[in-house]
């Protein structure tokens, strides 16, 4: 009987891990989709290089 309970706990742990892995994959997929949809958005302002470098003499 004890072995059966251990097996049930192990199976439940595997199910929890699988559910967590699916959640991670769904989040990554959502991030990729959000990033992909942002490619068509207008670009933001570009900073000038003049403010980054000192004048040379």
C-alpha atoms as a PDB file:
ATOM      1  CA  UNK A   1       0.000   0.000   0.000  1.00  0.00           C
ATOM      2  CA  UNK A   2       2.829   2.389   0.854  1.00  0.00           C
ATOM      3  CA  UNK A   3       4.444   1.925  -2.576  1.00  0.00           C
ATOM      4  CA  UNK A   4       1.130   2.792  -4.251  1.00  0.00           C
ATOM      5  CA  UNK A   5       0.899   6.085  -2.330  1.00  0.00           C
ATOM      6  CA  UNK A   6       4.445   6.999  -3.304  1.00  0.00           C
ATOM      7  CA  UNK A   7       3.620   6.285  -6.939  1.00  0.00           C
ATOM      8  CA  UNK A   8       0.514   8.482  -6.741  1.00  0.00           C
ATOM      9  CA  UNK A   9       2.532  11.344  -5.230  1.00  0.00           C
ATOM     10  CA  UNK A  10       5.156  10.961  -7.939  1.00  0.00           C
ATOM     11  CA  UNK A  11       2.505  11.016 -10.658  1.00  0.00           C
ATOM     12  CA  UNK A  12       0.932  14.126  -9.112  1.00  0.00           C
ATOM     13  CA  UNK A  13       4.343  15.833  -9.020  1.00  0.00           C
ATOM     14  CA  UNK A  14       4.903  15.020 -12.691  1.00  0.00           C
ATOM     15  CA  UNK A  15       1.498  16.489 -13.523  1.00  0.00           C
ATOM     16  CA  UNK A  16       2.379  19.692 -11.629  1.00  0.00           C
ATOM     17  CA  UNK A  17       5.682  19.962 -13.447  1.00  0.00           C
ATOM     18  CA  UNK A  18       4.006  19.451 -16.808  1.00  0.00           C
ATOM     19  CA  UNK A  19       1.430  22.140 -16.009  1.00  0.00           C
ATOM     20  CA  UNK A  20       4.188  24.550 -14.992  1.00  0.00           C
ATOM     21  CA  UNK A  21       6.103  23.823 -18.187  1.00  0.00           C
ATOM     22  CA  UNK A  22       2.980  24.467 -20.278  1.00  0.00           C
ATOM     23  CA  UNK A  23       2.504  27.780 -18.475  1.00  0.00           C
ATOM     24  CA  UNK A  24       6.086  28.791 -19.247  1.00  0.00           C
ATOM     25  CA  UNK A  25       5.636  27.880 -22.902  1.00  0.00           C
ATOM     26  CA  UNK A  26       2.380  29.850 -23.109  1.00  0.00           C
ATOM     27  CA  UNK A  27       4.069  32.908 -21.584  1.00  0.00           C
ATOM     28  CA  UNK A  28       6.962  32.666 -24.033  1.00  0.00           C
ATOM     29  CA  UNK A  29       4.544  32.322 -26.924  1.00  0.00           C
ATOM     30  CA  UNK A  30       2.630  35.393 -25.736  1.00  0.00           C
ATOM     31  CA  UNK A  31       5.869  37.393 -25.462  1.00  0.00           C
ATOM     32  CA  UNK A  32       6.869  36.377 -28.986  1.00  0.00           C
ATOM     33  CA  UNK A  33       3.448  37.371 -30.301  1.00  0.00           C
ATOM     34  CA  UNK A  34       3.631  40.737 -28.540  1.00  0.00           C
ATOM     35  CA  UNK A  35       7.098  41.345 -29.936  1.00  0.00           C
ATOM     36  CA  UNK A  36       6.009  40.355 -33.434  1.00  0.00           C
ATOM     37  CA  UNK A  37       3.035  42.692 -33.369  1.00  0.00           C
ATOM     38  CA  UNK A  38       5.314  45.547 -32.292  1.00  0.00           C
ATOM     39  CA  UNK A  39       7.353  45.310 -35.489  1.00  0.00           C
ATOM     40  CA  UNK A  40       4.664  47.117 -37.460  1.00  0.00           C
ATOM     41  CA  UNK A  41       4.359  49.928 -34.923  1.00  0.00           C
ATOM     42  CA  UNK A  42       5.913  53.294 -35.724  1.00  0.00           C
ATOM     43  CA  UNK A  43       9.449  53.629 -34.491  1.00  0.00           C
ATOM     44  CA  UNK A  44      10.318  55.905 -31.612  1.00  0.00           C
ATOM     45  CA  UNK A  45      12.647  58.903 -31.737  1.00  0.00           C
ATOM     46  CA  UNK A  46      16.308  58.250 -32.466  1.00  0.00           C
ATOM     47  CA  UNK A  47      18.873  60.057 -30.338  1.00  0.00           C
ATOM     48  CA  UNK A  48      21.516  62.127 -32.059  1.00  0.00           C
ATOM     49  CA  UNK A  49      25.127  60.968 -32.028  1.00  0.00           C
ATOM     50  CA  UNK A  50      26.269  64.552 -31.425  1.00  0.00           C
ATOM     51  CA  UNK A  51      25.350  64.371 -27.755  1.00  0.00           C
ATOM     52  CA  UNK A  52      27.383  61.193 -27.222  1.00  0.00           C
ATOM     53  CA  UNK A  53      30.822  62.366 -28.311  1.00  0.00           C
ATOM     54  CA  UNK A  54      32.947  65.353 -27.312  1.00  0.00           C
ATOM     55  CA  UNK A  55      34.171  67.746 -29.941  1.00  0.00           C
ATOM     56  CA  UNK A  56      37.648  66.979 -31.238  1.00  0.00           C
ATOM     57  CA  UNK A  57      39.601  70.292 -31.028  1.00  0.00           C
END
